[in-house]
Amino acid sequence: MADFHRFESEPLCDVVREIVRGFGSDAREVDLVSENLVRANLYGHDSHGIGMLPRYVEAYLEGSLKPNAQPRIRIDQGPMLALDGQTGFGQSIGHAAMAMGIERAREHGTCIMALGNAHHLGRIGEWAEMAVAAGLVSVHFVNVISRPLVAAWGGRDARLGTNPFAIGIPIEGREPFILDLATSVIAQGKARVAYNKGVPLAPGQLLDHEGRSTTNPAHAVVGPLGALLPFGEHKGFGLSLACEILGGALAAGLAVHGPDEGKKRVLNGMLTILIDPARLGDAQGFAEQTLACLDWVTASPPQDGVEAVMLAGEPERRACTERRAHGIPVDGATWSAILAAADKLGVEVDRSTRHVGGLSAEA
C-alpha cells in the first residue's frame, strides 16, 4: 500500500499555483487552473485533480498545450456559438467559453455552444455547476482526442476515449442536480490513482492487452496497455459514441478515428446546450414539479447497508465537507510525480509536507 499525506486545500492550492506559473501562465490562468484542479480533489474526483499536472507538463513540453490561449469565435449566430480553444488550458478555455454561452442564454433564453480544440477540460461537472449558478439548465457532450482508452462493447481493444457526459439542473431552494460521468466504467484517472496506490481495480472494469478481463490497473496506465470497458454494457457504449459524434465530429470537427501517435496531449471537444427554464415555460411549475419528483424519489426506503437515496451531486458535496475538515489525501507516488513535473518546468517546490499544510501521513 502506498504512503499517503493529507493536505489542507488552501496551502496545497498555493503550491499548485507555483507549478502552474512555471508554464508561463498569467495570474488569472494560474488561479483558474490551480483552483479547478484542487476543487476536483476536494469533491473526491482525484482522477481530475492535481494528479493531472505531470500529464500537462508532458503536453506542454511537446508543444501540445499553449498557456494564455483564449477561445476564438469561429461562428456567431446569436444563440449559436462555435469556438476554437486553440489548445489552451481547458480550465481557462472552458471558463471563458461557458461565460460566453451563459451570456447568450440569458439574452436569448438558450444557447448551443460548440467548443473544440481545448486541452483537457477537467471535471465536466465544473461547467454544469457554472451554468446552474446562473440559473440555467445545461447538457454537455464531450469527446477525448488522446490515446484510445475504452473498448467498444463487445470489442477486445481500446477504440474510444472516456467521453464524459454531464447535466446540470438548478433546483429552487436546494443544492443543484449535477450529473457528471465518464461513459467508461471508471475514468482513466481513477485507474491511474489505483495504480499509484498499489490497489487492484474491481472486476469487470478493465481488459488486458490481449482482451482478457483483469483487475491490474497497470494495463490502463503503464502497459502492456489494454482497455477500460464502457459502463452499462451497450448503453454506455451508445452514449460514448453520441459524445464522440456530438462533442467531437459536430462541435470540434475532430472525432477519434485512430491512434494518437503517442502524443501526451488530451484534447476535448464539447457540445453544450444551455436553457433558461424561466424562458421556456412555467418557471414556478418547473420548480414545483422538480421538487415533488425529487422528494418522491429520495423518500424511498434505503436498501440494507445504504444510508439514504442520494441525488447526483450529493456525494461530491459530502466529499468536499469531509476533505475540507480532514484534508485532501494524496498518495506518495502521485506527489512524487508532481514534484518531478515541477522539476521539468524548473520550478522550485518545497518538498516538506509542512509547506503544503500536511495534516498527517498514512501508510
Foldseek 3Di string as FASTA:
>chain_A
DFKKFFFALPLQLVLQLLLVVLLVADPVVSNLQSVLQSLCLLLVNPLQHPLCLLLVLQQVVVPQEHHPFEWDWPDPDQQETATEQQNYALSVRVVRQLVVNLVSCVVVQKHKYKYWSYFDNGFCLVSLVVQVVSQKKKKKWKFKPAFFAAAQQVDQAGQGAQTKIWIWHHAPPDDIFIDIGGQFPHHLSVLVQCQLVVHWADWPFWAACRRHTDRNSCLSPPDPHGHTYGPPRNVSSVSSVVSQCCQACNRHVHGGDDGPVPRSTIIMIMTMMIGNVVVPDPPVVVNVVVVVVVVVVFVDDDDPPDPTDDGHPVSSVVSSVVCNVVGRMDGPSSLVSSVVSSVVSVRDDDPDSVSRRTPDMDD
